[in-house]
Structure formats: structure tokens, C-alpha cells
N, C-alpha and C. Protein backbone atom coordinates (compact mmCIF):
# COMPACT_ATOMS: atom_id res chain seq x y z
N MET A 1 0.79 -0.98 0.00
CA MET A 1 0.27 0.01 -0.29
C MET A 1 0.56 1.17 -0.26
N ALA A 2 1.72 1.35 0.87
CA ALA A 2 3.23 2.22 1.04
C ALA A 2 3.34 2.49 -0.49
N VAL A 3 4.26 1.71 -1.36
CA VAL A 3 4.42 1.60 -2.31
C VAL A 3 3.13 2.29 -3.40
N LEU A 4 2.19 2.16 -3.52
CA LEU A 4 0.94 2.93 -4.30
C LEU A 4 0.97 4.06 -3.58
N ARG A 5 1.22 4.11 -2.84
CA ARG A 5 0.66 5.75 -2.47
C ARG A 5 1.77 6.41 -2.66
N SER A 6 3.11 6.07 -2.55
CA SER A 6 4.42 6.45 -3.15
C SER A 6 4.23 7.38 -4.72
N LEU A 7 4.03 6.58 -5.28
CA LEU A 7 3.79 6.67 -6.46
C LEU A 7 2.63 7.44 -7.04
N LEU A 8 1.21 7.03 -5.91
CA LEU A 8 0.33 8.00 -6.74
C LEU A 8 0.44 9.88 -6.55
N ALA A 9 1.73 9.78 -5.04
CA ALA A 9 2.05 11.26 -4.39
C ALA A 9 2.36 11.53 -5.98
N VAL A 10 3.87 11.27 -6.50
CA VAL A 10 4.27 11.38 -7.63
C VAL A 10 3.80 11.46 -8.81
N VAL A 11 3.31 10.89 -8.92
CA VAL A 11 1.96 11.48 -10.62
C VAL A 11 1.03 12.46 -9.96
N ALA A 12 0.85 12.79 -8.66
CA ALA A 12 0.21 13.95 -8.30
C ALA A 12 0.77 15.24 -8.50
N GLY A 13 2.44 15.42 -7.77
CA GLY A 13 3.20 16.40 -8.58
C GLY A 13 3.37 16.51 -10.28
N MET A 14 3.71 15.18 -10.72
CA MET A 14 4.13 16.08 -11.87
C MET A 14 2.75 15.89 -12.86
N VAL A 15 1.55 15.60 -12.56
CA VAL A 15 0.42 16.17 -12.97
C VAL A 15 -0.05 17.54 -12.67
N PHE A 16 0.17 18.09 -11.46
CA PHE A 16 -0.22 19.24 -11.37
C PHE A 16 0.91 20.43 -11.85
N ILE A 17 1.73 19.60 -12.34
CA ILE A 17 2.61 20.54 -12.65
C ILE A 17 3.04 20.50 -14.73
N VAL A 18 2.67 19.80 -14.67
CA VAL A 18 1.91 19.56 -16.13
C VAL A 18 1.03 20.24 -16.85
N ALA A 19 0.22 20.36 -15.85
CA ALA A 19 -1.78 20.46 -16.41
C ALA A 19 -1.23 22.48 -16.66
N ALA A 20 -0.78 22.60 -15.25
CA ALA A 20 -0.52 24.02 -15.06
C ALA A 20 0.39 24.53 -15.71
N SER A 21 1.68 24.11 -16.13
CA SER A 21 2.41 24.57 -17.08
C SER A 21 1.84 24.71 -18.23
N THR A 22 0.94 23.73 -18.53
CA THR A 22 0.52 23.51 -20.31
C THR A 22 -0.58 24.72 -20.25
N GLY A 23 -1.48 24.75 -19.15
CA GLY A 23 -2.49 25.22 -19.55
C GLY A 23 -2.61 27.32 -19.48
N THR A 24 -1.27 27.23 -18.84
CA THR A 24 -1.07 28.53 -18.09
C THR A 24 0.25 29.18 -20.21
N ASP A 25 0.71 27.93 -20.51
CA ASP A 25 1.24 28.49 -22.13
C ASP A 25 0.27 28.55 -22.76
N LEU A 26 -0.55 27.60 -22.48
CA LEU A 26 -2.13 27.65 -23.52
C LEU A 26 -2.10 29.34 -23.31
N VAL A 27 -2.83 30.12 -22.23
CA VAL A 27 -3.70 31.07 -21.64
C VAL A 27 -2.73 32.03 -22.11
N LEU A 28 -1.84 32.19 -22.23
CA LEU A 28 -0.88 33.58 -22.85
C LEU A 28 -0.32 33.29 -24.18
N SER A 29 -0.05 32.47 -24.77
CA SER A 29 -0.09 32.21 -25.97
C SER A 29 -1.40 32.70 -27.39
N LYS A 30 -2.46 32.44 -26.43
CA LYS A 30 -4.18 32.89 -26.98
C LYS A 30 -4.08 34.49 -26.63
N THR A 31 -3.87 35.08 -25.74
CA THR A 31 -3.90 36.32 -25.11
C THR A 31 -2.96 37.13 -25.18
N LEU A 32 -1.79 37.71 -24.55
CA LEU A 32 -0.63 38.20 -23.86
C LEU A 32 0.62 37.76 -24.62
N ALA A 33 1.16 36.87 -24.84
CA ALA A 33 2.24 36.71 -25.13
C ALA A 33 1.81 35.62 -26.78
N PRO A 34 1.00 36.03 -27.98
CA PRO A 34 1.00 35.10 -29.35
C PRO A 34 2.46 34.72 -29.98
N GLU A 35 3.47 35.36 -29.83
CA GLU A 35 4.66 34.45 -30.09
C GLU A 35 5.62 33.33 -29.05
N MET A 36 4.93 33.37 -28.43
CA MET A 36 5.12 32.28 -26.82
C MET A 36 5.18 30.67 -28.11
N ALA A 37 4.46 30.51 -27.88
CA ALA A 37 4.03 29.41 -28.68
C ALA A 37 4.85 29.35 -30.47
N SER A 38 5.76 29.60 -30.54
CA SER A 38 6.75 29.57 -31.89
C SER A 38 8.40 29.04 -31.19
N THR A 39 8.71 28.72 -32.06
CA THR A 39 10.11 27.98 -32.07
C THR A 39 10.74 29.29 -31.53
N HIS A 40 10.48 30.61 -31.88
CA HIS A 40 11.37 31.97 -32.00
C HIS A 40 10.56 32.77 -31.41
N ALA A 41 10.48 32.50 -30.03
CA ALA A 41 10.04 32.85 -28.98
C ALA A 41 10.75 34.05 -28.60
N PRO A 42 10.71 35.23 -27.91
CA PRO A 42 11.31 36.18 -27.34
C PRO A 42 11.41 35.33 -26.36
N ALA A 43 13.00 36.57 -25.77
CA ALA A 43 13.48 35.76 -25.07
C ALA A 43 12.79 36.57 -23.52
N ALA A 44 11.93 37.13 -23.42
CA ALA A 44 11.32 38.25 -22.25
C ALA A 44 10.02 36.86 -22.37
N ASP A 45 9.45 36.50 -22.85
CA ASP A 45 8.62 35.06 -23.24
C ASP A 45 9.21 34.31 -22.80
N LEU A 46 10.68 34.15 -23.06
CA LEU A 46 10.69 32.47 -22.46
C LEU A 46 10.94 32.87 -21.12
N ALA A 47 11.55 33.56 -20.69
CA ALA A 47 12.28 33.89 -19.18
C ALA A 47 10.97 34.15 -18.33
N LEU A 48 9.67 35.21 -18.90
CA LEU A 48 8.44 34.34 -18.28
C LEU A 48 7.89 33.15 -18.16
N ALA A 49 8.15 32.02 -19.19
CA ALA A 49 7.79 30.62 -18.99
C ALA A 49 8.61 29.83 -18.42
N LEU A 50 9.78 30.39 -17.60
CA LEU A 50 11.00 29.50 -16.72
C LEU A 50 10.49 29.96 -15.42
N ALA A 51 10.14 31.26 -15.16
CA ALA A 51 9.52 31.84 -13.78
C ALA A 51 8.50 30.72 -13.50
N TYR A 52 7.18 30.73 -14.32
CA TYR A 52 5.94 29.91 -14.08
C TYR A 52 6.58 28.74 -14.09
N ARG A 53 7.42 28.06 -14.46
CA ARG A 53 7.77 26.60 -14.47
C ARG A 53 8.15 26.41 -13.16
N THR A 54 9.19 27.09 -13.12
CA THR A 54 9.63 27.20 -11.54
C THR A 54 8.95 27.00 -10.43
N ILE A 55 7.90 27.75 -10.85
CA ILE A 55 7.23 28.04 -9.02
C ILE A 55 5.98 26.52 -9.21
N PHE A 56 5.75 26.11 -10.95
CA PHE A 56 4.31 25.21 -10.51
C PHE A 56 5.87 23.87 -10.44
N GLY A 57 6.93 24.01 -10.53
CA GLY A 57 7.67 23.27 -10.04
C GLY A 57 7.90 22.77 -8.30
N VAL A 58 8.25 23.87 -7.98
CA VAL A 58 8.41 24.28 -6.00
C VAL A 58 7.00 23.74 -5.64
N ILE A 59 5.60 23.52 -6.20
CA ILE A 59 3.89 24.04 -6.02
C ILE A 59 4.18 22.08 -5.94
N GLY A 60 4.73 21.75 -6.93
CA GLY A 60 4.43 20.16 -7.50
C GLY A 60 5.09 19.47 -6.80
N GLY A 61 6.22 19.79 -5.88
CA GLY A 61 7.56 19.65 -4.99
C GLY A 61 6.59 19.36 -3.71
N TRP A 62 5.79 20.43 -3.78
CA TRP A 62 4.93 20.41 -2.21
C TRP A 62 4.55 19.37 -1.95
N ILE A 63 2.71 19.96 -3.48
CA ILE A 63 1.94 18.24 -3.32
C ILE A 63 2.30 16.98 -3.41
N THR A 64 3.67 16.82 -4.30
CA THR A 64 3.96 15.39 -3.94
C THR A 64 5.19 15.18 -1.86
N ALA A 65 5.36 15.85 -1.79
CA ALA A 65 5.57 15.80 -0.86
C ALA A 65 4.64 15.60 0.40
N LYS A 66 3.91 16.46 0.67
CA LYS A 66 2.45 16.33 1.03
C LYS A 66 1.67 15.31 1.06
N LEU A 67 1.52 14.40 -0.04
CA LEU A 67 0.72 13.14 -0.30
C LEU A 67 2.12 11.99 0.10
N ALA A 68 3.30 12.23 0.38
CA ALA A 68 3.95 10.69 -0.08
C ALA A 68 3.63 10.70 1.61
N PRO A 69 4.00 8.43 2.11
CA PRO A 69 3.69 8.42 2.66
C PRO A 69 4.79 8.28 4.01
N SER A 70 5.93 8.30 3.82
CA SER A 70 6.96 8.65 4.71
C SER A 70 8.08 9.86 3.93
N ARG A 71 9.29 9.88 4.54
CA ARG A 71 10.76 10.48 3.41
C ARG A 71 9.54 11.84 2.38
N PRO A 72 8.68 12.92 3.02
CA PRO A 72 8.60 13.37 1.72
C PRO A 72 9.10 13.91 0.90
N VAL A 73 10.26 14.49 1.83
CA VAL A 73 12.04 15.15 0.32
C VAL A 73 12.16 14.26 -0.45
N ALA A 74 11.98 13.12 0.06
CA ALA A 74 12.90 11.93 -1.16
C ALA A 74 11.77 12.02 -2.49
N HIS A 75 10.30 11.80 -1.61
CA HIS A 75 9.65 12.09 -2.66
C HIS A 75 9.50 12.60 -3.98
N ALA A 76 10.01 14.02 -2.79
CA ALA A 76 9.76 15.25 -4.45
C ALA A 76 11.08 15.14 -5.43
N VAL A 77 12.15 15.03 -4.65
CA VAL A 77 13.00 14.47 -5.15
C VAL A 77 13.00 13.60 -6.21
N VAL A 78 12.38 12.53 -6.44
CA VAL A 78 12.29 11.50 -7.23
C VAL A 78 11.46 12.61 -8.47
N LEU A 79 10.97 13.14 -8.22
CA LEU A 79 9.43 14.11 -8.90
C LEU A 79 10.50 14.83 -10.13
N GLY A 80 11.66 15.42 -8.89
CA GLY A 80 12.67 16.01 -9.39
C GLY A 80 13.56 15.40 -10.58
N VAL A 81 13.98 14.39 -10.48
CA VAL A 81 15.01 13.30 -11.25
C VAL A 81 13.84 13.71 -12.48
N ILE A 82 13.04 12.26 -12.29
CA ILE A 82 11.93 12.63 -13.26
C ILE A 82 11.94 13.80 -14.37
N GLY A 83 11.34 14.77 -13.79
CA GLY A 83 11.24 16.01 -14.89
C GLY A 83 12.68 16.50 -15.57
N ALA A 84 13.82 16.31 -14.52
CA ALA A 84 15.12 16.92 -14.88
C ALA A 84 15.50 15.87 -16.28
N LEU A 85 15.06 14.43 -16.19
CA LEU A 85 15.72 13.63 -17.05
C LEU A 85 13.93 13.95 -18.45
N ALA A 86 12.44 14.21 -18.05
CA ALA A 86 11.95 14.75 -19.09
C ALA A 86 12.01 16.03 -20.24
N ALA A 87 13.13 16.95 -19.13
CA ALA A 87 13.14 18.33 -19.60
C ALA A 87 14.87 17.87 -20.58
N LEU A 88 15.63 16.83 -19.77
CA LEU A 88 16.25 16.73 -20.43
C LEU A 88 16.27 15.49 -21.93
N ALA A 89 15.45 15.25 -22.26
CA ALA A 89 14.93 14.47 -23.18
C ALA A 89 14.15 15.82 -24.22
N GLY A 90 13.87 16.53 -24.15
CA GLY A 90 13.57 17.49 -24.69
C GLY A 90 14.26 18.56 -25.26
N LEU A 91 15.16 19.00 -24.65
CA LEU A 91 16.19 19.60 -24.80
C LEU A 91 17.24 19.15 -25.95
N VAL A 92 17.20 17.91 -25.71
CA VAL A 92 18.14 16.87 -26.39
C VAL A 92 17.19 16.66 -28.43
N VAL A 93 15.99 16.37 -27.85
CA VAL A 93 15.18 16.67 -29.24
C VAL A 93 15.40 18.05 -29.99
N MET A 94 14.47 19.19 -29.19
CA MET A 94 14.97 20.38 -29.63
C MET A 94 15.87 21.58 -29.76
N TRP A 95 17.25 20.54 -29.62
CA TRP A 95 18.76 21.55 -29.74
C TRP A 95 18.41 22.14 -31.06
N GLY A 96 18.88 23.47 -31.05
CA GLY A 96 18.47 24.21 -32.11
C GLY A 96 17.53 24.60 -32.82
N ALA A 97 16.72 24.39 -31.47
CA ALA A 97 15.40 25.58 -32.14
C ALA A 97 15.05 26.39 -31.11
N GLY A 98 14.97 27.62 -31.52
CA GLY A 98 15.09 29.05 -30.27
C GLY A 98 16.49 28.97 -29.70
N GLN A 99 16.16 29.57 -28.16
CA GLN A 99 17.24 29.88 -27.47
C GLN A 99 17.60 28.73 -26.76
N PRO A 100 19.05 28.16 -26.56
CA PRO A 100 19.15 27.19 -26.27
C PRO A 100 18.95 27.32 -24.16
N TRP A 101 19.34 28.56 -23.77
CA TRP A 101 19.32 28.83 -22.23
C TRP A 101 18.17 28.53 -21.83
N TYR A 102 17.01 28.36 -22.46
CA TYR A 102 15.41 27.78 -21.86
C TYR A 102 15.99 26.55 -21.53
N PRO A 103 15.96 25.62 -22.71
CA PRO A 103 15.50 23.72 -22.19
C PRO A 103 16.79 23.53 -21.49
N ILE A 104 17.69 24.63 -20.94
CA ILE A 104 19.11 24.54 -20.06
C ILE A 104 18.41 24.62 -18.92
N GLY A 105 18.08 25.90 -18.80
CA GLY A 105 16.76 26.27 -17.62
C GLY A 105 16.09 24.73 -16.71
N LEU A 106 15.67 24.57 -17.68
CA LEU A 106 14.56 23.71 -17.43
C LEU A 106 14.88 22.30 -16.98
N VAL A 107 16.17 22.26 -17.66
CA VAL A 107 16.98 21.00 -16.76
C VAL A 107 17.59 21.23 -16.09
N VAL A 108 17.84 22.55 -15.63
CA VAL A 108 19.20 23.04 -14.49
C VAL A 108 17.71 23.25 -12.96
N LEU A 109 17.04 23.25 -13.48
CA LEU A 109 15.98 23.65 -11.99
C LEU A 109 14.98 23.23 -11.33
N ALA A 110 14.59 21.55 -12.58
CA ALA A 110 13.88 20.91 -12.12
C ALA A 110 14.08 20.36 -10.81
N LEU A 111 15.49 19.83 -10.23
CA LEU A 111 15.73 18.77 -9.02
C LEU A 111 15.61 20.33 -8.71
N PRO A 112 16.12 21.01 -7.73
CA PRO A 112 16.21 22.13 -7.12
C PRO A 112 14.66 22.50 -6.77
N GLU A 113 13.98 22.60 -8.18
CA GLU A 113 13.01 23.63 -7.35
C GLU A 113 11.98 22.64 -7.02
N CYS A 114 11.77 21.12 -7.60
CA CYS A 114 11.04 20.01 -6.13
C CYS A 114 11.53 19.80 -5.34
N TRP A 115 12.75 20.10 -4.97
CA TRP A 115 13.66 19.80 -3.85
C TRP A 115 12.66 20.92 -2.56
N LEU A 116 13.26 22.36 -2.85
CA LEU A 116 12.26 23.09 -2.78
C LEU A 116 10.82 22.80 -1.60
N GLY A 117 10.14 22.59 -3.00
CA GLY A 117 8.95 22.17 -2.35
C GLY A 117 8.65 21.20 -1.67
N GLY A 118 9.50 20.17 -1.55
CA GLY A 118 9.76 18.83 -0.63
C GLY A 118 9.93 19.36 0.87
N ARG A 119 10.77 20.28 0.82
CA ARG A 119 11.55 21.04 2.17
C ARG A 119 10.32 22.00 2.52
N LEU A 120 9.70 22.55 2.03
CA LEU A 120 8.49 23.63 2.16
C LEU A 120 7.31 22.56 3.19
N ALA A 121 6.86 21.20 2.47
CA ALA A 121 6.31 20.88 2.94
C ALA A 121 6.42 20.13 4.24
N ALA A 122 7.61 19.47 4.02
CA ALA A 122 8.24 19.07 5.66
C ALA A 122 8.49 19.86 6.83
N ARG A 123 9.14 21.13 6.63
CA ARG A 123 8.85 21.76 7.83
C ARG A 123 7.50 21.59 8.41
N ARG A 124 7.95 21.94 9.96
CA ARG A 124 6.95 21.74 10.71
C ARG A 124 6.14 22.82 11.17
């Protein structure tokens, strides 16, 4: 039962991060930042996306840690590793399209943001 709860905790954090990021991307690309949807998005749009994705990563780590049956920070770190690997795959696939600092930033920040969320959730 604990393994299932651990898996569900990580999946819940992942679902939040993906849904919040994708939803925010969609809303911004349809309203305030239509260029965001292109592979040549302006640096300001990418910086905004990196900022809100970082915030969503912290929240996702927090959610995972709160739902974890034990060792909340470790669960959040697992989420961060999965996020870093997913971002690395995106970096490799999209290399050469757009500005390279953005996908590199996603890779570099995935683990620390989830760790921070886990630490915040674990505070008493």
C-alpha cells in the first residue's frame, strides 16, 4: 500500500506541473504572448515561462511531499529527477530550435525546485 501511495504522490505532483504549465502556456499564447507558441519566442516570453514553470515545480514538489506516506523530501526529489530527465529529453530533441538557455534552464532547475517544494512541505 505504501508503494502505491508513493507512486500516486509523485504522479499527483507531475500531473499538477504538466497541467499548470500547459494551461498557462495556452492561455498566454492565446492572449498576452502569442509569439510564445513559436520556436522563435522572444527572450522575455521564455523568461516568463521559465519563472512560472519554476513556481509550478516548487508547488508540484510540495504536493508530492504532502501526499507522500513517508520521507516527503525524497519523494519530491524523485519528482525532480523525473522532471530533469523529461526536460533533458526535450533539450536533446529540440536542440537548435530557439534559444538554448531556456531548455537548459528547465533541466537545471527541475531538481532544485522540487526539492525546495519538498522541504517547504516537510517543515513543521
